[in-house]
C-alpha atoms as a PDB file:
ATOM      1  CA  UNK A   1    -117.900  -4.763 -60.988  1.00  0.00           C
ATOM      2  CA  UNK A   2    -114.586  -6.462 -61.628  1.00  0.00           C
ATOM      3  CA  UNK A   3    -113.959  -8.608 -58.560  1.00  0.00           C
ATOM      4  CA  UNK A   4    -110.298  -9.167 -59.498  1.00  0.00           C
ATOM      5  CA  UNK A   5    -109.626  -5.432 -59.121  1.00  0.00           C
ATOM      6  CA  UNK A   6    -111.556  -5.296 -55.853  1.00  0.00           C
ATOM      7  CA  UNK A   7    -109.539  -8.239 -54.562  1.00  0.00           C
ATOM      8  CA  UNK A   8    -106.284  -6.536 -55.502  1.00  0.00           C
ATOM      9  CA  UNK A   9    -107.287  -3.357 -53.677  1.00  0.00           C
ATOM     10  CA  UNK A  10    -108.275  -5.350 -50.603  1.00  0.00           C
ATOM     11  CA  UNK A  11    -104.971  -7.252 -50.768  1.00  0.00           C
ATOM     12  CA  UNK A  12    -103.047  -3.969 -51.078  1.00  0.00           C
ATOM     13  CA  UNK A  13    -104.874  -2.412 -48.123  1.00  0.00           C
ATOM     14  CA  UNK A  14    -104.387  -5.514 -45.983  1.00  0.00           C
ATOM     15  CA  UNK A  15    -100.703  -5.741 -46.881  1.00  0.00           C
ATOM     16  CA  UNK A  16    -100.059  -2.096 -46.028  1.00  0.00           C
ATOM     17  CA  UNK A  17    -101.960  -2.424 -42.734  1.00  0.00           C
ATOM     18  CA  UNK A  18     -99.902  -5.520 -41.895  1.00  0.00           C
ATOM     19  CA  UNK A  19     -96.696  -3.634 -42.740  1.00  0.00           C
ATOM     20  CA  UNK A  20     -97.676  -0.623 -40.625  1.00  0.00           C
ATOM     21  CA  UNK A  21     -98.460  -2.922 -37.703  1.00  0.00           C
ATOM     22  CA  UNK A  22     -95.016  -4.489 -38.094  1.00  0.00           C
ATOM     23  CA  UNK A  23     -93.505  -0.984 -38.098  1.00  0.00           C
ATOM     24  CA  UNK A  24     -95.392  -0.091 -34.922  1.00  0.00           C
ATOM     25  CA  UNK A  25     -94.141  -3.241 -33.224  1.00  0.00           C
ATOM     26  CA  UNK A  26     -90.599  -2.293 -34.230  1.00  0.00           C
ATOM     27  CA  UNK A  27     -91.102   1.181 -32.787  1.00  0.00           C
ATOM     28  CA  UNK A  28     -92.484  -0.224 -29.540  1.00  0.00           C
ATOM     29  CA  UNK A  29     -89.437  -2.475 -29.250  1.00  0.00           C
ATOM     30  CA  UNK A  30     -87.218   0.563 -29.906  1.00  0.00           C
ATOM     31  CA  UNK A  31     -88.924   2.521 -27.130  1.00  0.00           C
ATOM     32  CA  UNK A  32     -88.645  -0.411 -24.727  1.00  0.00           C
ATOM     33  CA  UNK A  33     -84.969  -1.142 -25.403  1.00  0.00           C
ATOM     34  CA  UNK A  34     -83.478   2.354 -25.696  1.00  0.00           C
ATOM     35  CA  UNK A  35     -82.962   3.855 -22.239  1.00  0.00           C
ATOM     36  CA  UNK A  36     -85.053   6.920 -21.416  1.00  0.00           C
ATOM     37  CA  UNK A  37     -81.906   8.955 -20.734  1.00  0.00           C
ATOM     38  CA  UNK A  38     -80.789   8.366 -24.343  1.00  0.00           C
ATOM     39  CA  UNK A  39     -84.131   9.240 -25.942  1.00  0.00           C
ATOM     40  CA  UNK A  40     -84.841  12.770 -27.031  1.00  0.00           C
ATOM     41  CA  UNK A  41     -88.008  14.130 -28.585  1.00  0.00           C
ATOM     42  CA  UNK A  42     -86.301  14.439 -31.953  1.00  0.00           C
ATOM     43  CA  UNK A  43     -84.892  10.901 -31.804  1.00  0.00           C
ATOM     44  CA  UNK A  44     -88.270   9.483 -30.850  1.00  0.00           C
ATOM     45  CA  UNK A  45     -90.044  11.380 -33.663  1.00  0.00           C
ATOM     46  CA  UNK A  46     -87.432  10.345 -36.230  1.00  0.00           C
ATOM     47  CA  UNK A  47     -87.641   6.731 -35.102  1.00  0.00           C
ATOM     48  CA  UNK A  48     -91.434   6.751 -35.367  1.00  0.00           C
ATOM     49  CA  UNK A  49     -91.293   8.141 -38.923  1.00  0.00           C
ATOM     50  CA  UNK A  50     -88.563   5.665 -39.877  1.00  0.00           C
ATOM     51  CA  UNK A  51     -90.376   2.620 -38.496  1.00  0.00           C
ATOM     52  CA  UNK A  52     -93.751   3.594 -39.976  1.00  0.00           C
ATOM     53  CA  UNK A  53     -92.117   4.324 -43.344  1.00  0.00           C
ATOM     54  CA  UNK A  54     -90.322   0.995 -43.246  1.00  0.00           C
ATOM     55  CA  UNK A  55     -93.646  -0.646 -42.352  1.00  0.00           C
ATOM     56  CA  UNK A  56     -95.362   0.895 -45.378  1.00  0.00           C
ATOM     57  CA  UNK A  57     -92.471  -0.274 -47.550  1.00  0.00           C
ATOM     58  CA  UNK A  58     -92.801  -3.748 -46.065  1.00  0.00           C
ATOM     59  CA  UNK A  59     -96.515  -3.674 -46.854  1.00  0.00           C
ATOM     60  CA  UNK A  60     -95.782  -2.982 -50.524  1.00  0.00           C
ATOM     61  CA  UNK A  61     -93.216  -5.803 -50.559  1.00  0.00           C
ATOM     62  CA  UNK A  62     -95.806  -8.179 -49.070  1.00  0.00           C
ATOM     63  CA  UNK A  63     -98.275  -7.057 -51.757  1.00  0.00           C
ATOM     64  CA  UNK A  64     -95.734  -7.589 -54.540  1.00  0.00           C
ATOM     65  CA  UNK A  65     -94.844 -11.088 -53.314  1.00  0.00           C
ATOM     66  CA  UNK A  66     -98.538 -11.946 -52.991  1.00  0.00           C
ATOM     67  CA  UNK A  67     -99.250 -10.795 -56.534  1.00  0.00           C
ATOM     68  CA  UNK A  68     -96.268 -12.797 -57.777  1.00  0.00           C
ATOM     69  CA  UNK A  69     -97.661 -15.873 -56.027  1.00  0.00           C
ATOM     70  CA  UNK A  70    -101.076 -15.282 -57.597  1.00  0.00           C
ATOM     71  CA  UNK A  71     -99.512 -14.927 -61.045  1.00  0.00           C
ATOM     72  CA  UNK A  72     -97.480 -18.114 -60.647  1.00  0.00           C
ATOM     73  CA  UNK A  73    -100.493 -20.039 -59.329  1.00  0.00           C
ATOM     74  CA  UNK A  74    -102.599 -18.819 -62.254  1.00  0.00           C
ATOM     75  CA  UNK A  75    -100.081 -20.233 -64.718  1.00  0.00           C
ATOM     76  CA  UNK A  76     -99.608 -23.581 -62.981  1.00  0.00           C
ATOM     77  CA  UNK A  77    -100.460 -26.886 -64.611  1.00  0.00           C
ATOM     78  CA  UNK A  78    -103.284 -27.574 -62.144  1.00  0.00           C
ATOM     79  CA  UNK A  79    -104.900 -24.224 -62.905  1.00  0.00           C
ATOM     80  CA  UNK A  80    -104.580 -24.815 -66.633  1.00  0.00           C
ATOM     81  CA  UNK A  81    -106.188 -28.252 -66.276  1.00  0.00           C
ATOM     82  CA  UNK A  82    -109.116 -26.793 -64.293  1.00  0.00           C
ATOM     83  CA  UNK A  83    -109.712 -24.150 -66.963  1.00  0.00           C
ATOM     84  CA  UNK A  84    -109.659 -26.798 -69.717  1.00  0.00           C
ATOM     85  CA  UNK A  85    -112.100 -29.004 -67.821  1.00  0.00           C
ATOM     86  CA  UNK A  86    -114.419 -26.069 -67.197  1.00  0.00           C
ATOM     87  CA  UNK A  87    -114.604 -25.365 -70.945  1.00  0.00           C
ATOM     88  CA  UNK A  88    -115.893 -28.891 -71.683  1.00  0.00           C
END
């Protein structure tokens, strides 16, 4: 089993869950701040889809930034030195 791939899948799942939670928080704020007289069923449904979709998108952005950080850390001088010392 390739643990790097497993770690990437876990990171992707965690990032998307974090993004969806952020979208839900945004939707809860929307429901709390928009007066009930202004909310319709269609507006509420559209807002829920929009916020959850934006949350999923945010999750993928979090994943991309995390993978970029992993790639940069893997190419750093400290990482290179550790690999060279491990070979000896």
